[in-house]
Amino acid sequence: MTLLPCKYFSNNFSISIFIKIFLILIRDIYYNI
C-alpha cells in the first residue's frame, strides 16, 4: 500500500514538470515570432 501512493506521486510530479517545460517552450516560441 505504500508503493502505490509513492508511484502515483512520482508520476504526477513528472507530469507537472513536463507541463511546465512544455508551457515554457510554447511561451518562448510565441515571443520569438
PDB file of N, CA and C in Angstrom:
ATOM      1  N   MET A   1       0.827  -1.215   0.000  1.00  0.00           N
ATOM      2  CA  MET A   1       0.000   0.000   0.000  1.00  0.00           C
ATOM      3  C   MET A   1       0.857   1.258   0.000  1.00  0.00           C
ATOM      4  N   THR A   2       2.078   1.131   0.429  1.00  0.00           N
ATOM      5  CA  THR A   2       2.941   2.314   0.433  1.00  0.00           C
ATOM      6  C   THR A   2       3.479   2.607  -0.963  1.00  0.00           C
ATOM      7  N   LEU A   3       3.574   1.565  -1.768  1.00  0.00           N
ATOM      8  CA  LEU A   3       4.166   1.727  -3.097  1.00  0.00           C
ATOM      9  C   LEU A   3       3.235   2.495  -4.040  1.00  0.00           C
ATOM     10  N   LEU A   4       1.948   2.237  -3.942  1.00  0.00           N
ATOM     11  CA  LEU A   4       1.005   2.847  -4.879  1.00  0.00           C
ATOM     12  C   LEU A   4       0.955   4.378  -4.765  1.00  0.00           C
ATOM     13  N   PRO A   5       0.761   4.962  -3.586  1.00  0.00           N
ATOM     14  CA  PRO A   5       0.762   6.424  -3.492  1.00  0.00           C
ATOM     15  C   PRO A   5       2.103   7.022  -3.915  1.00  0.00           C
ATOM     16  N   CYS A   6       3.184   6.327  -3.586  1.00  0.00           N
ATOM     17  CA  CYS A   6       4.506   6.831  -3.954  1.00  0.00           C
ATOM     18  C   CYS A   6       4.644   6.859  -5.475  1.00  0.00           C
ATOM     19  N   LYS A   7       4.213   5.784  -6.103  1.00  0.00           N
ATOM     20  CA  LYS A   7       4.282   5.710  -7.560  1.00  0.00           C
ATOM     21  C   LYS A   7       3.379   6.780  -8.183  1.00  0.00           C
ATOM     22  N   TYR A   8       2.195   6.957  -7.638  1.00  0.00           N
ATOM     23  CA  TYR A   8       1.270   7.954  -8.169  1.00  0.00           C
ATOM     24  C   TYR A   8       1.845   9.356  -8.013  1.00  0.00           C
ATOM     25  N   PHE A   9       2.450   9.626  -6.869  1.00  0.00           N
ATOM     26  CA  PHE A   9       3.031  10.939  -6.627  1.00  0.00           C
ATOM     27  C   PHE A   9       4.177  11.201  -7.598  1.00  0.00           C
ATOM     28  N   SER A  10       4.997  10.195  -7.807  1.00  0.00           N
ATOM     29  CA  SER A  10       6.132  10.336  -8.728  1.00  0.00           C
ATOM     30  C   SER A  10       5.635  10.593 -10.146  1.00  0.00           C
ATOM     31  N   ASN A  11       4.615   9.857 -10.550  1.00  0.00           N
ATOM     32  CA  ASN A  11       4.060  10.026 -11.889  1.00  0.00           C
ATOM     33  C   ASN A  11       3.444  11.416 -12.037  1.00  0.00           C
ATOM     34  N   ASN A  12       2.697  11.846 -11.049  1.00  0.00           N
ATOM     35  CA  ASN A  12       2.065  13.151 -11.081  1.00  0.00           C
ATOM     36  C   ASN A  12       3.114  14.259 -11.112  1.00  0.00           C
ATOM     37  N   PHE A  13       4.183  14.075 -10.359  1.00  0.00           N
ATOM     38  CA  PHE A  13       5.256  15.062 -10.297  1.00  0.00           C
ATOM     39  C   PHE A  13       5.935  15.208 -11.657  1.00  0.00           C
ATOM     40  N   SER A  14       6.222  14.096 -12.300  1.00  0.00           N
ATOM     41  CA  SER A  14       6.879  14.147 -13.613  1.00  0.00           C
ATOM     42  C   SER A  14       5.955  14.773 -14.657  1.00  0.00           C
ATOM     43  N   ILE A  15       4.660  14.501 -14.550  1.00  0.00           N
ATOM     44  CA  ILE A  15       3.699  15.095 -15.488  1.00  0.00           C
ATOM     45  C   ILE A  15       3.663  16.617 -15.307  1.00  0.00           C
ATOM     46  N   SER A  16       3.678  17.083 -14.076  1.00  0.00           N
ATOM     47  CA  SER A  16       3.641  18.526 -13.837  1.00  0.00           C
ATOM     48  C   SER A  16       4.915  19.194 -14.347  1.00  0.00           C
ATOM     49  N   ILE A  17       6.052  18.521 -14.201  1.00  0.00           N
ATOM     50  CA  ILE A  17       7.306  19.074 -14.723  1.00  0.00           C
ATOM     51  C   ILE A  17       7.250  19.140 -16.246  1.00  0.00           C
ATOM     52  N   PHE A  18       6.710  18.093 -16.859  1.00  0.00           N
ATOM     53  CA  PHE A  18       6.591  18.071 -18.320  1.00  0.00           C
ATOM     54  C   PHE A  18       5.696  19.214 -18.799  1.00  0.00           C
ATOM     55  N   ILE A  19       4.596  19.460 -18.105  1.00  0.00           N
ATOM     56  CA  ILE A  19       3.684  20.546 -18.481  1.00  0.00           C
ATOM     57  C   ILE A  19       4.372  21.899 -18.334  1.00  0.00           C
ATOM     58  N   LYS A  20       5.143  22.064 -17.269  1.00  0.00           N
ATOM     59  CA  LYS A  20       5.862  23.331 -17.082  1.00  0.00           C
ATOM     60  C   LYS A  20       6.851  23.574 -18.210  1.00  0.00           C
ATOM     61  N   ILE A  21       7.617  22.558 -18.552  1.00  0.00           N
ATOM     62  CA  ILE A  21       8.596  22.701 -19.642  1.00  0.00           C
ATOM     63  C   ILE A  21       7.876  22.984 -20.957  1.00  0.00           C
ATOM     64  N   PHE A  22       6.770  22.293 -21.176  1.00  0.00           N
ATOM     65  CA  PHE A  22       6.002  22.487 -22.402  1.00  0.00           C
ATOM     66  C   PHE A  22       5.491  23.930 -22.500  1.00  0.00           C
ATOM     67  N   LEU A  23       4.967  24.464 -21.403  1.00  0.00           N
ATOM     68  CA  LEU A  23       4.467  25.839 -21.409  1.00  0.00           C
ATOM     69  C   LEU A  23       5.591  26.838 -21.631  1.00  0.00           C
ATOM     70  N   ILE A  24       6.744  26.587 -21.040  1.00  0.00           N
ATOM     71  CA  ILE A  24       7.887  27.485 -21.227  1.00  0.00           C
ATOM     72  C   ILE A  24       8.327  27.476 -22.690  1.00  0.00           C
ATOM     73  N   LEU A  25       8.341  26.303 -23.290  1.00  0.00           N
ATOM     74  CA  LEU A  25       8.728  26.215 -24.707  1.00  0.00           C
ATOM     75  C   LEU A  25       7.724  26.955 -25.586  1.00  0.00           C
ATOM     76  N   ILE A  26       6.458  26.776 -25.320  1.00  0.00           N
ATOM     77  CA  ILE A  26       5.423  27.465 -26.104  1.00  0.00           C
ATOM     78  C   ILE A  26       5.567  28.976 -25.954  1.00  0.00           C
ATOM     79  N   ARG A  27       5.828  29.430 -24.742  1.00  0.00           N
ATOM     80  CA  ARG A  27       5.976  30.856 -24.495  1.00  0.00           C
ATOM     81  C   ARG A  27       7.199  31.411 -25.229  1.00  0.00           C
ATOM     82  N   ASP A  28       8.292  30.676 -25.226  1.00  0.00           N
ATOM     83  CA  ASP A  28       9.493  31.119 -25.939  1.00  0.00           C
ATOM     84  C   ASP A  28       9.236  31.209 -27.440  1.00  0.00           C
ATOM     85  N   ILE A  29       8.567  30.211 -27.977  1.00  0.00           N
ATOM     86  CA  ILE A  29       8.255  30.226 -29.416  1.00  0.00           C
ATOM     87  C   ILE A  29       7.323  31.402 -29.732  1.00  0.00           C
ATOM     88  N   TYR A  30       6.354  31.628 -28.874  1.00  0.00           N
ATOM     89  CA  TYR A  30       5.396  32.712 -29.107  1.00  0.00           C
ATOM     90  C   TYR A  30       6.093  34.072 -29.109  1.00  0.00           C
ATOM     91  N   TYR A  31       7.039  34.276 -28.186  1.00  0.00           N
ATOM     92  CA  TYR A  31       7.735  35.555 -28.119  1.00  0.00           C
ATOM     93  C   TYR A  31       8.769  35.704 -29.227  1.00  0.00           C
ATOM     94  N   ASN A  32       9.258  34.605 -29.756  1.00  0.00           N
ATOM     95  CA  ASN A  32      10.262  34.683 -30.822  1.00  0.00           C
ATOM     96  C   ASN A  32       9.632  35.004 -32.171  1.00  0.00           C
ATOM     97  N   ILE A  33       8.367  34.754 -32.315  1.00  0.00           N
ATOM     98  CA  ILE A  33       7.701  35.011 -33.607  1.00  0.00           C
ATOM     99  C   ILE A  33       7.446  36.489 -33.841  1.00  0.00           C
TER     100      ILE A  33
END
